[in-house]
Amino acid sequence: MTKFLVGSKQLTIKDEIKNISFPVLVHYPTNEISRPVSFGP
């Protein structure tokens, strides 16, 4: 059986021309073992 592990990274995308920004949550494959993390406020 193959183990699939995933990592997460919270980023803020900024548009300097329109002077706006918004948060992005990126998920990506990884070989790291998971650990508990809080999401949200």
N, C-alpha and C. Protein backbone atom coordinates (compact mmCIF):
# COMPACT_ATOMS: atom_id res chain seq x y z
N MET A 1 0.83 -1.17 0.00
CA MET A 1 0.00 0.00 0.00
C MET A 1 0.89 1.25 0.00
N THR A 2 0.55 2.22 -0.83
CA THR A 2 1.29 3.46 -0.92
C THR A 2 0.68 4.50 0.01
N LYS A 3 1.52 5.19 0.77
CA LYS A 3 1.03 6.26 1.63
C LYS A 3 1.08 7.58 0.87
N PHE A 4 0.01 8.32 0.95
CA PHE A 4 -0.03 9.64 0.36
C PHE A 4 -0.05 10.67 1.49
N LEU A 5 0.95 11.51 1.53
CA LEU A 5 1.04 12.56 2.53
C LEU A 5 0.90 13.92 1.86
N VAL A 6 0.32 14.85 2.58
CA VAL A 6 0.10 16.17 2.01
C VAL A 6 0.53 17.25 3.00
N GLY A 7 1.11 18.31 2.46
CA GLY A 7 1.47 19.47 3.27
C GLY A 7 0.56 20.63 2.91
N SER A 8 0.53 21.63 3.77
CA SER A 8 -0.29 22.82 3.53
C SER A 8 0.54 24.06 3.80
N LYS A 9 0.24 25.11 3.07
CA LYS A 9 0.92 26.39 3.27
C LYS A 9 -0.09 27.50 3.03
N GLN A 10 -0.20 28.43 3.96
CA GLN A 10 -1.08 29.57 3.80
C GLN A 10 -0.28 30.74 3.26
N LEU A 11 -0.73 31.32 2.17
CA LEU A 11 -0.05 32.44 1.52
C LEU A 11 -1.02 33.60 1.32
N THR A 12 -0.48 34.77 1.08
CA THR A 12 -1.30 35.91 0.69
C THR A 12 -0.82 36.36 -0.68
N ILE A 13 -1.75 36.37 -1.63
CA ILE A 13 -1.44 36.82 -2.98
C ILE A 13 -1.73 38.32 -3.06
N LYS A 14 -0.77 39.08 -3.56
CA LYS A 14 -0.92 40.53 -3.65
C LYS A 14 -0.85 40.98 -5.10
N ASP A 15 -1.78 41.84 -5.48
CA ASP A 15 -1.76 42.49 -6.79
C ASP A 15 -1.37 43.94 -6.54
N GLU A 16 -0.13 44.27 -6.84
CA GLU A 16 0.38 45.61 -6.58
C GLU A 16 -0.29 46.66 -7.47
N ILE A 17 -0.69 46.28 -8.67
CA ILE A 17 -1.30 47.23 -9.60
C ILE A 17 -2.69 47.66 -9.12
N LYS A 18 -3.51 46.67 -8.71
CA LYS A 18 -4.87 46.98 -8.25
C LYS A 18 -4.95 47.20 -6.74
N ASN A 19 -3.82 47.01 -6.05
CA ASN A 19 -3.73 47.22 -4.61
C ASN A 19 -4.74 46.35 -3.83
N ILE A 20 -4.81 45.06 -4.20
CA ILE A 20 -5.67 44.12 -3.49
C ILE A 20 -4.86 42.89 -3.10
N SER A 21 -5.34 42.16 -2.11
CA SER A 21 -4.70 40.92 -1.72
C SER A 21 -5.76 39.95 -1.22
N PHE A 22 -5.45 38.66 -1.27
CA PHE A 22 -6.38 37.64 -0.77
C PHE A 22 -5.59 36.42 -0.31
N PRO A 23 -6.12 35.71 0.70
CA PRO A 23 -5.43 34.53 1.23
C PRO A 23 -5.62 33.31 0.33
N VAL A 24 -4.61 32.45 0.29
CA VAL A 24 -4.65 31.22 -0.50
C VAL A 24 -4.11 30.09 0.37
N LEU A 25 -4.75 28.94 0.32
CA LEU A 25 -4.27 27.76 1.02
C LEU A 25 -3.81 26.76 -0.04
N VAL A 26 -2.53 26.42 -0.04
CA VAL A 26 -1.93 25.53 -1.03
C VAL A 26 -1.69 24.17 -0.39
N HIS A 27 -2.10 23.09 -1.06
CA HIS A 27 -1.82 21.73 -0.64
C HIS A 27 -0.82 21.12 -1.62
N TYR A 28 0.16 20.37 -1.09
CA TYR A 28 1.20 19.81 -1.95
C TYR A 28 1.64 18.46 -1.41
N PRO A 29 2.12 17.57 -2.27
CA PRO A 29 2.61 16.26 -1.81
C PRO A 29 3.91 16.41 -1.03
N THR A 30 4.10 15.53 -0.03
CA THR A 30 5.31 15.60 0.79
C THR A 30 5.65 14.22 1.34
N ASN A 31 6.86 14.07 1.82
CA ASN A 31 7.29 12.85 2.48
C ASN A 31 7.33 13.00 4.00
N GLU A 32 6.97 14.20 4.48
CA GLU A 32 7.00 14.49 5.91
C GLU A 32 5.80 13.86 6.62
N ILE A 33 6.03 13.36 7.82
CA ILE A 33 4.95 12.82 8.64
C ILE A 33 4.10 13.98 9.16
N SER A 34 2.79 13.77 9.21
CA SER A 34 1.88 14.84 9.61
C SER A 34 1.99 15.16 11.09
N ARG A 35 1.56 16.38 11.43
CA ARG A 35 1.46 16.82 12.81
C ARG A 35 0.24 17.72 12.93
N PRO A 36 -0.39 17.76 14.09
CA PRO A 36 -1.60 18.57 14.26
C PRO A 36 -1.31 20.07 14.08
N VAL A 37 -2.21 20.75 13.36
CA VAL A 37 -2.09 22.18 13.12
C VAL A 37 -3.50 22.78 13.16
N SER A 38 -3.65 23.94 13.79
CA SER A 38 -4.95 24.63 13.82
C SER A 38 -5.13 25.45 12.56
N PHE A 39 -6.34 25.41 12.01
CA PHE A 39 -6.71 26.27 10.89
C PHE A 39 -7.82 27.18 11.34
N GLY A 40 -7.81 28.41 10.87
CA GLY A 40 -8.88 29.33 11.19
C GLY A 40 -8.60 30.19 12.42
N PRO A 41 -9.57 31.00 12.75
CA PRO A 41 -9.40 31.94 13.86
C PRO A 41 -9.34 31.27 15.21
